[in-house]
PDB file of N, CA and C in Angstrom:
ATOM      1  N   MET A   1       2.086 -15.732  -0.977  1.00  0.00           N
ATOM      2  CA  MET A   1       0.918 -16.104  -1.219  1.00  0.00           C
ATOM      3  C   MET A   1       0.119 -14.789  -1.850  1.00  0.00           C
ATOM      4  N   THR A   2      -0.955 -15.041  -2.516  1.00  0.00           N
ATOM      5  CA  THR A   2      -1.813 -14.126  -3.217  1.00  0.00           C
ATOM      6  C   THR A   2      -3.153 -13.349  -2.508  1.00  0.00           C
ATOM      7  N   THR A   3      -3.476 -12.019  -2.289  1.00  0.00           N
ATOM      8  CA  THR A   3      -4.808 -11.637  -1.756  1.00  0.00           C
ATOM      9  C   THR A   3      -6.207 -11.950  -3.189  1.00  0.00           C
ATOM     10  N   TRP A   4      -7.203 -12.629  -2.628  1.00  0.00           N
ATOM     11  CA  TRP A   4      -7.928 -12.925  -3.454  1.00  0.00           C
ATOM     12  C   TRP A   4      -9.309 -12.435  -3.106  1.00  0.00           C
ATOM     13  N   LEU A   5     -10.139 -11.650  -4.090  1.00  0.00           N
ATOM     14  CA  LEU A   5     -11.449 -11.456  -4.029  1.00  0.00           C
ATOM     15  C   LEU A   5     -12.116 -12.436  -4.274  1.00  0.00           C
ATOM     16  N   VAL A   6     -13.210 -12.608  -3.182  1.00  0.00           N
ATOM     17  CA  VAL A   6     -13.935 -13.842  -3.634  1.00  0.00           C
ATOM     18  C   VAL A   6     -15.726 -13.251  -3.064  1.00  0.00           C
ATOM     19  N   ALA A   7     -16.440 -13.140  -3.924  1.00  0.00           N
ATOM     20  CA  ALA A   7     -17.488 -12.435  -3.899  1.00  0.00           C
ATOM     21  C   ALA A   7     -18.662 -13.208  -4.372  1.00  0.00           C
ATOM     22  N   THR A   8     -19.890 -12.807  -3.650  1.00  0.00           N
ATOM     23  CA  THR A   8     -21.196 -13.315  -3.720  1.00  0.00           C
ATOM     24  C   THR A   8     -21.721 -11.833  -4.678  1.00  0.00           C
ATOM     25  N   LEU A   9     -23.241 -11.517  -5.071  1.00  0.00           N
ATOM     26  CA  LEU A   9     -23.822 -10.836  -5.369  1.00  0.00           C
ATOM     27  C   LEU A   9     -23.715  -9.775  -4.907  1.00  0.00           C
ATOM     28  N   ALA A  10     -23.743  -9.966  -3.283  1.00  0.00           N
ATOM     29  CA  ALA A  10     -23.905  -8.792  -2.713  1.00  0.00           C
ATOM     30  C   ALA A  10     -22.840  -8.392  -1.719  1.00  0.00           C
ATOM     31  N   ARG A  11     -22.133  -9.326  -1.328  1.00  0.00           N
ATOM     32  CA  ARG A  11     -21.003  -9.107  -0.348  1.00  0.00           C
ATOM     33  C   ARG A  11     -19.743  -9.917  -0.952  1.00  0.00           C
ATOM     34  N   TYR A  12     -18.411  -9.377  -0.236  1.00  0.00           N
ATOM     35  CA  TYR A  12     -17.338 -10.291  -0.591  1.00  0.00           C
ATOM     36  C   TYR A  12     -16.709 -10.088   0.063  1.00  0.00           C
ATOM     37  N   VAL A  13     -15.260 -10.965   0.197  1.00  0.00           N
ATOM     38  CA  VAL A  13     -14.063 -11.450   1.350  1.00  0.00           C
ATOM     39  C   VAL A  13     -12.858 -10.926   0.279  1.00  0.00           C
ATOM     40  N   LEU A  14     -11.797 -10.608   1.050  1.00  0.00           N
ATOM     41  CA  LEU A  14     -10.525 -10.878   0.859  1.00  0.00           C
ATOM     42  C   LEU A  14      -9.834 -12.261   1.916  1.00  0.00           C
ATOM     43  N   VAL A  15      -9.212 -12.716   1.124  1.00  0.00           N
ATOM     44  CA  VAL A  15      -8.422 -13.935   1.627  1.00  0.00           C
ATOM     45  C   VAL A  15      -7.225 -14.302   1.025  1.00  0.00           C
ATOM     46  N   GLU A  16      -6.284 -14.664   1.777  1.00  0.00           N
ATOM     47  CA  GLU A  16      -4.935 -14.938   1.152  1.00  0.00           C
ATOM     48  C   GLU A  16      -4.832 -16.393   1.109  1.00  0.00           C
ATOM     49  N   ALA A  17      -4.599 -16.861  -0.198  1.00  0.00           N
ATOM     50  CA  ALA A  17      -4.342 -17.975  -1.036  1.00  0.00           C
ATOM     51  C   ALA A  17      -3.330 -18.375  -1.680  1.00  0.00           C
ATOM     52  N   GLU A  18      -3.204 -19.419  -2.007  1.00  0.00           N
ATOM     53  CA  GLU A  18      -2.075 -19.674  -3.004  1.00  0.00           C
ATOM     54  C   GLU A  18      -2.463 -20.061  -4.146  1.00  0.00           C
ATOM     55  N   ASP A  19      -3.657 -20.579  -4.485  1.00  0.00           N
ATOM     56  CA  ASP A  19      -4.075 -20.781  -5.845  1.00  0.00           C
ATOM     57  C   ASP A  19      -6.059 -20.297  -5.913  1.00  0.00           C
ATOM     58  N   GLU A  20      -6.351 -20.609  -6.768  1.00  0.00           N
ATOM     59  CA  GLU A  20      -7.828 -19.728  -6.885  1.00  0.00           C
ATOM     60  C   GLU A  20      -8.751 -21.110  -6.559  1.00  0.00           C
ATOM     61  N   SER A  21      -8.395 -22.113  -6.238  1.00  0.00           N
ATOM     62  CA  SER A  21      -9.101 -23.242  -5.366  1.00  0.00           C
ATOM     63  C   SER A  21      -9.303 -22.924  -3.927  1.00  0.00           C
ATOM     64  N   THR A  22      -8.313 -22.628  -3.155  1.00  0.00           N
ATOM     65  CA  THR A  22      -8.255 -22.617  -1.814  1.00  0.00           C
ATOM     66  C   THR A  22      -8.678 -21.166  -1.670  1.00  0.00           C
ATOM     67  N   ALA A  23      -8.248 -20.301  -2.653  1.00  0.00           N
ATOM     68  CA  ALA A  23      -9.318 -19.268  -2.243  1.00  0.00           C
ATOM     69  C   ALA A  23     -10.630 -19.077  -2.324  1.00  0.00           C
ATOM     70  N   ARG A  24     -11.444 -20.032  -3.342  1.00  0.00           N
ATOM     71  CA  ARG A  24     -12.672 -20.206  -3.235  1.00  0.00           C
ATOM     72  C   ARG A  24     -13.058 -21.068  -2.048  1.00  0.00           C
ATOM     73  N   GLU A  25     -12.156 -22.195  -1.116  1.00  0.00           N
ATOM     74  CA  GLU A  25     -12.544 -22.755  -0.162  1.00  0.00           C
ATOM     75  C   GLU A  25     -12.619 -21.839   0.984  1.00  0.00           C
ATOM     76  N   LEU A  26     -11.497 -21.025   1.117  1.00  0.00           N
ATOM     77  CA  LEU A  26     -11.215 -19.739   2.461  1.00  0.00           C
ATOM     78  C   LEU A  26     -12.551 -18.849   2.310  1.00  0.00           C
ATOM     79  N   GLY A  27     -12.827 -18.226   0.944  1.00  0.00           N
ATOM     80  CA  GLY A  27     -13.643 -17.130   0.626  1.00  0.00           C
ATOM     81  C   GLY A  27     -15.380 -17.866   1.152  1.00  0.00           C
ATOM     82  N   HIS A  28     -15.617 -19.152   0.969  1.00  0.00           N
ATOM     83  CA  HIS A  28     -16.921 -19.442   1.270  1.00  0.00           C
ATOM     84  C   HIS A  28     -16.649 -19.621   2.885  1.00  0.00           C
ATOM     85  N   VAL A  29     -15.805 -19.931   4.000  1.00  0.00           N
ATOM     86  CA  VAL A  29     -15.959 -19.698   5.040  1.00  0.00           C
ATOM     87  C   VAL A  29     -16.198 -18.521   5.245  1.00  0.00           C
ATOM     88  N   ALA A  30     -15.696 -17.567   4.991  1.00  0.00           N
ATOM     89  CA  ALA A  30     -15.411 -16.639   5.185  1.00  0.00           C
ATOM     90  C   ALA A  30     -16.909 -15.659   5.123  1.00  0.00           C
ATOM     91  N   LEU A  31     -17.232 -16.033   3.756  1.00  0.00           N
ATOM     92  CA  LEU A  31     -18.437 -15.473   3.379  1.00  0.00           C
ATOM     93  C   LEU A  31     -19.842 -16.260   4.650  1.00  0.00           C
ATOM     94  N   TYR A  32     -19.316 -17.438   4.799  1.00  0.00           N
ATOM     95  CA  TYR A  32     -20.488 -17.863   5.771  1.00  0.00           C
ATOM     96  C   TYR A  32     -20.550 -17.335   6.923  1.00  0.00           C
ATOM     97  N   ASP A  33     -19.453 -16.865   7.322  1.00  0.00           N
ATOM     98  CA  ASP A  33     -19.709 -15.978   8.957  1.00  0.00           C
ATOM     99  C   ASP A  33     -20.074 -14.548   8.404  1.00  0.00           C
ATOM    100  N   LEU A  34     -19.804 -14.179   7.532  1.00  0.00           N
ATOM    101  CA  LEU A  34     -20.359 -12.747   6.939  1.00  0.00           C
ATOM    102  C   LEU A  34     -21.882 -12.672   7.028  1.00  0.00           C
ATOM    103  N   TYR A  35     -22.617 -13.918   6.351  1.00  0.00           N
ATOM    104  CA  TYR A  35     -24.291 -13.982   6.216  1.00  0.00           C
ATOM    105  C   TYR A  35     -24.688 -14.207   7.600  1.00  0.00           C
ATOM    106  N   ALA A  36     -23.999 -14.360   8.607  1.00  0.00           N
ATOM    107  CA  ALA A  36     -24.830 -15.266  10.152  1.00  0.00           C
ATOM    108  C   ALA A  36     -25.892 -14.097  10.082  1.00  0.00           C
ATOM    109  N   ASP A  37     -25.704 -12.894   9.865  1.00  0.00           N
ATOM    110  CA  ASP A  37     -27.028 -12.202  10.197  1.00  0.00           C
ATOM    111  C   ASP A  37     -28.371 -12.111   9.466  1.00  0.00           C
ATOM    112  N   LEU A  38     -28.065 -12.668   8.069  1.00  0.00           N
ATOM    113  CA  LEU A  38     -29.283 -13.154   7.395  1.00  0.00           C
ATOM    114  C   LEU A  38     -29.737 -14.485   8.049  1.00  0.00           C
ATOM    115  N   ARG A  39     -29.048 -15.417   8.094  1.00  0.00           N
ATOM    116  CA  ARG A  39     -29.225 -16.939   8.706  1.00  0.00           C
ATOM    117  C   ARG A  39     -30.191 -16.393  10.408  1.00  0.00           C
ATOM    118  N   GLU A  40     -29.731 -15.599  11.265  1.00  0.00           N
ATOM    119  CA  GLU A  40     -30.523 -15.133  12.188  1.00  0.00           C
ATOM    120  C   GLU A  40     -31.662 -14.590  11.810  1.00  0.00           C
ATOM    121  N   ARG A  41     -31.907 -13.545  11.071  1.00  0.00           N
ATOM    122  CA  ARG A  41     -33.260 -12.756  10.652  1.00  0.00           C
ATOM    123  C   ARG A  41     -33.953 -13.852  10.162  1.00  0.00           C
ATOM    124  N   TYR A  42     -33.508 -14.732   9.114  1.00  0.00           N
ATOM    125  CA  TYR A  42     -34.667 -15.700   8.524  1.00  0.00           C
ATOM    126  C   TYR A  42     -34.781 -17.127   9.192  1.00  0.00           C
ATOM    127  N   GLY A  43     -33.683 -17.063  10.218  1.00  0.00           N
ATOM    128  CA  GLY A  43     -33.941 -18.510  10.909  1.00  0.00           C
ATOM    129  C   GLY A  43     -33.748 -19.750   9.821  1.00  0.00           C
ATOM    130  N   ARG A  44     -32.869 -19.386   9.279  1.00  0.00           N
ATOM    131  CA  ARG A  44     -32.878 -20.689   8.388  1.00  0.00           C
ATOM    132  C   ARG A  44     -31.231 -20.260   7.260  1.00  0.00           C
ATOM    133  N   ASP A  45     -30.633 -21.265   7.010  1.00  0.00           N
ATOM    134  CA  ASP A  45     -29.424 -21.554   6.270  1.00  0.00           C
ATOM    135  C   ASP A  45     -29.232 -20.458   4.943  1.00  0.00           C
ATOM    136  N   VAL A  46     -28.568 -19.820   4.429  1.00  0.00           N
ATOM    137  CA  VAL A  46     -28.357 -18.959   3.508  1.00  0.00           C
ATOM    138  C   VAL A  46     -27.419 -19.387   2.368  1.00  0.00           C
ATOM    139  N   PRO A  47     -27.875 -20.023   1.508  1.00  0.00           N
ATOM    140  CA  PRO A  47     -26.883 -20.428   0.420  1.00  0.00           C
ATOM    141  C   PRO A  47     -25.884 -19.241  -0.071  1.00  0.00           C
ATOM    142  N   ILE A  48     -24.393 -19.566  -0.208  1.00  0.00           N
ATOM    143  CA  ILE A  48     -23.407 -18.872  -0.341  1.00  0.00           C
ATOM    144  C   ILE A  48     -22.860 -19.375  -1.820  1.00  0.00           C
ATOM    145  N   ASN A  49     -23.642 -18.620  -2.704  1.00  0.00           N
ATOM    146  CA  ASN A  49     -23.647 -18.477  -4.315  1.00  0.00           C
ATOM    147  C   ASN A  49     -22.393 -17.802  -4.709  1.00  0.00           C
ATOM    148  N   ILE A  50     -20.881 -18.126  -4.894  1.00  0.00           N
ATOM    149  CA  ILE A  50     -19.669 -17.532  -5.138  1.00  0.00           C
ATOM    150  C   ILE A  50     -19.742 -17.107  -6.482  1.00  0.00           C
ATOM    151  N   LEU A  51     -20.051 -16.053  -6.967  1.00  0.00           N
ATOM    152  CA  LEU A  51     -19.896 -15.513  -8.428  1.00  0.00           C
ATOM    153  C   LEU A  51     -18.596 -15.182  -9.043  1.00  0.00           C
ATOM    154  N   THR A  52     -17.523 -14.698  -8.300  1.00  0.00           N
ATOM    155  CA  THR A  52     -16.225 -13.921  -8.352  1.00  0.00           C
ATOM    156  C   THR A  52     -15.154 -14.624  -7.703  1.00  0.00           C
ATOM    157  N   VAL A  53     -14.143 -14.994  -8.122  1.00  0.00           N
ATOM    158  CA  VAL A  53     -12.661 -15.228  -7.534  1.00  0.00           C
ATOM    159  C   VAL A  53     -11.553 -14.901  -8.516  1.00  0.00           C
ATOM    160  N   ARG A  54     -11.069 -13.800  -8.082  1.00  0.00           N
ATOM    161  CA  ARG A  54     -10.076 -12.958  -8.758  1.00  0.00           C
ATOM    162  C   ARG A  54      -8.984 -12.494  -7.708  1.00  0.00           C
ATOM    163  N   HIS A  55      -8.129 -12.079  -7.977  1.00  0.00           N
ATOM    164  CA  HIS A  55      -6.803 -11.531  -7.384  1.00  0.00           C
ATOM    165  C   HIS A  55      -7.231  -9.863  -7.109  1.00  0.00           C
ATOM    166  N   ALA A  56      -7.345  -9.795  -5.783  1.00  0.00           N
ATOM    167  CA  ALA A  56      -7.553  -8.223  -5.424  1.00  0.00           C
ATOM    168  C   ALA A  56      -7.041  -7.160  -6.102  1.00  0.00           C
ATOM    169  N   THR A  57      -7.185  -5.938  -6.168  1.00  0.00           N
ATOM    170  CA  THR A  57      -6.193  -4.867  -6.567  1.00  0.00           C
ATOM    171  C   THR A  57      -5.843  -4.091  -5.253  1.00  0.00           C
ATOM    172  N   GLU A  58      -4.762  -3.530  -5.686  1.00  0.00           N
ATOM    173  CA  GLU A  58      -3.887  -2.786  -4.691  1.00  0.00           C
ATOM    174  C   GLU A  58      -4.957  -1.988  -3.729  1.00  0.00           C
ATOM    175  N   SER A  59      -5.657  -1.304  -4.449  1.00  0.00           N
ATOM    176  CA  SER A  59      -6.839  -0.434  -4.111  1.00  0.00           C
ATOM    177  C   SER A  59      -7.926  -1.280  -3.148  1.00  0.00           C
ATOM    178  N   GLU A  60      -8.534  -2.164  -3.560  1.00  0.00           N
ATOM    179  CA  GLU A  60      -9.270  -3.114  -2.937  1.00  0.00           C
ATOM    180  C   GLU A  60      -8.422  -3.846  -1.657  1.00  0.00           C
ATOM    181  N   ILE A  61      -7.385  -3.704  -1.642  1.00  0.00           N
ATOM    182  CA  ILE A  61      -6.320  -4.565  -0.359  1.00  0.00           C
ATOM    183  C   ILE A  61      -6.389  -3.403   0.652  1.00  0.00           C
ATOM    184  N   ASP A  62      -6.061  -2.313   0.217  1.00  0.00           N
ATOM    185  CA  ASP A  62      -5.972  -0.873   1.034  1.00  0.00           C
ATOM    186  C   ASP A  62      -7.300  -0.375   1.725  1.00  0.00           C
ATOM    187  N   GLN A  63      -8.555  -0.629   1.207  1.00  0.00           N
ATOM    188  CA  GLN A  63      -9.800  -0.074   1.361  1.00  0.00           C
ATOM    189  C   GLN A  63      -9.996  -1.408   2.266  1.00  0.00           C
ATOM    190  N   TRP A  64      -9.801  -2.568   2.105  1.00  0.00           N
ATOM    191  CA  TRP A  64      -9.980  -3.707   2.856  1.00  0.00           C
ATOM    192  C   TRP A  64      -9.502  -3.581   4.477  1.00  0.00           C
ATOM    193  N   ARG A  65      -8.263  -2.766   4.406  1.00  0.00           N
ATOM    194  CA  ARG A  65      -7.277  -3.026   5.464  1.00  0.00           C
ATOM    195  C   ARG A  65      -7.822  -2.002   6.409  1.00  0.00           C
ATOM    196  N   TRP A  66      -8.152  -0.772   5.777  1.00  0.00           N
ATOM    197  CA  TRP A  66      -8.424   0.672   6.411  1.00  0.00           C
ATOM    198  C   TRP A  66      -9.908   0.316   6.933  1.00  0.00           C
ATOM    199  N   HIS A  67     -11.029  -0.506   6.623  1.00  0.00           N
ATOM    200  CA  HIS A  67     -12.179  -1.019   6.891  1.00  0.00           C
ATOM    201  C   HIS A  67     -12.132  -1.627   8.369  1.00  0.00           C
ATOM    202  N   HIS A  68     -11.177  -2.522   8.187  1.00  0.00           N
ATOM    203  CA  HIS A  68     -10.837  -3.493   9.259  1.00  0.00           C
ATOM    204  C   HIS A  68     -10.008  -2.998  10.547  1.00  0.00           C
ATOM    205  N   GLU A  69      -9.362  -1.600   9.950  1.00  0.00           N
ATOM    206  CA  GLU A  69      -8.768  -0.949  11.173  1.00  0.00           C
ATOM    207  C   GLU A  69      -9.950  -0.106  11.697  1.00  0.00           C
ATOM    208  N   MET A  70     -10.324   0.643  11.208  1.00  0.00           N
ATOM    209  CA  MET A  70     -11.862   1.425  11.667  1.00  0.00           C
ATOM    210  C   MET A  70     -12.699   0.417  12.560  1.00  0.00           C
ATOM    211  N   LEU A  71     -12.818  -0.916  12.140  1.00  0.00           N
ATOM    212  CA  LEU A  71     -13.800  -1.802  12.804  1.00  0.00           C
ATOM    213  C   LEU A  71     -13.250  -1.772  14.240  1.00  0.00           C
ATOM    214  N   ALA A  72     -11.690  -2.062  14.503  1.00  0.00           N
ATOM    215  CA  ALA A  72     -11.114  -2.434  15.548  1.00  0.00           C
ATOM    216  C   ALA A  72     -10.873  -1.108  16.538  1.00  0.00           C
ATOM    217  N   ARG A  73     -11.047   0.032  15.901  1.00  0.00           N
ATOM    218  CA  ARG A  73     -10.800   1.318  16.466  1.00  0.00           C
ATOM    219  C   ARG A  73     -12.294   1.519  17.298  1.00  0.00           C
ATOM    220  N   GLU A  74     -13.466   1.374  16.304  1.00  0.00           N
ATOM    221  CA  GLU A  74     -14.824   1.484  16.788  1.00  0.00           C
ATOM    222  C   GLU A  74     -14.910   0.246  18.405  1.00  0.00           C
ATOM    223  N   ALA A  75     -14.375  -0.589  18.261  1.00  0.00           N
ATOM    224  CA  ALA A  75     -14.495  -1.804  19.014  1.00  0.00           C
ATOM    225  C   ALA A  75     -13.814  -1.169  20.610  1.00  0.00           C
ATOM    226  N   GLU A  76     -12.687  -0.859  19.927  1.00  0.00           N
ATOM    227  CA  GLU A  76     -12.038   0.112  21.280  1.00  0.00           C
ATOM    228  C   GLU A  76     -12.786   0.853  22.099  1.00  0.00           C
ATOM    229  N   TRP A  77     -13.276   1.808  21.370  1.00  0.00           N
ATOM    230  CA  TRP A  77     -13.866   2.852  21.784  1.00  0.00           C
ATOM    231  C   TRP A  77     -15.389   2.490  22.257  1.00  0.00           C
ATOM    232  N   GLN A  78     -15.782   1.643  21.919  1.00  0.00           N
ATOM    233  CA  GLN A  78     -17.199   0.663  22.652  1.00  0.00           C
ATOM    234  C   GLN A  78     -16.515   0.615  23.896  1.00  0.00           C
ATOM    235  N   ALA A  79     -15.572  -0.553  24.090  1.00  0.00           N
ATOM    236  CA  ALA A  79     -15.035  -1.154  25.294  1.00  0.00           C
ATOM    237  C   ALA A  79     -14.612  -0.054  26.210  1.00  0.00           C
ATOM    238  N   ARG A  80     -13.953   1.038  25.686  1.00  0.00           N
ATOM    239  CA  ARG A  80     -13.782   1.760  26.898  1.00  0.00           C
ATOM    240  C   ARG A  80     -14.914   2.802  27.528  1.00  0.00           C
ATOM    241  N   ARG A  81     -15.808   2.860  26.223  1.00  0.00           N
ATOM    242  CA  ARG A  81     -17.023   3.699  27.112  1.00  0.00           C
ATOM    243  C   ARG A  81     -17.863   2.837  27.851  1.00  0.00           C
ATOM    244  N   GLN A  82     -17.683   1.803  27.361  1.00  0.00           N
ATOM    245  CA  GLN A  82     -18.407   1.012  28.971  1.00  0.00           C
ATOM    246  C   GLN A  82     -18.178   0.752  29.838  1.00  0.00           C
ATOM    247  N   ASP A  83     -16.637   0.875  30.068  1.00  0.00           N
ATOM    248  CA  ASP A  83     -15.886   0.762  31.236  1.00  0.00           C
ATOM    249  C   ASP A  83     -15.816   1.994  32.044  1.00  0.00           C
ATOM    250  N   GLY A  84     -16.525   2.924  31.376  1.00  0.00           N
ATOM    251  CA  GLY A  84     -16.787   3.955  32.143  1.00  0.00           C
ATOM    252  C   GLY A  84     -16.065   5.542  32.328  1.00  0.00           C
TER     253      GLY A  84
END
């Protein structure tokens, strides 16, 4: 599997896929989820216009992992804080 960067003009995701076509499909699904905030804000669907599909660099993969680790830590911290 290869890690692919799939991006619109404003947002991007990394996905694991065998080829560019599959990466585009998986990226579209992930970007759709990522754009939920705009759909909620504007009360309508937001088009997902993919402009880039390419192999992710090692630094992009590392940064992506770090970001998601920090999100998980923040969620744990928030849960502990709410529990008292």
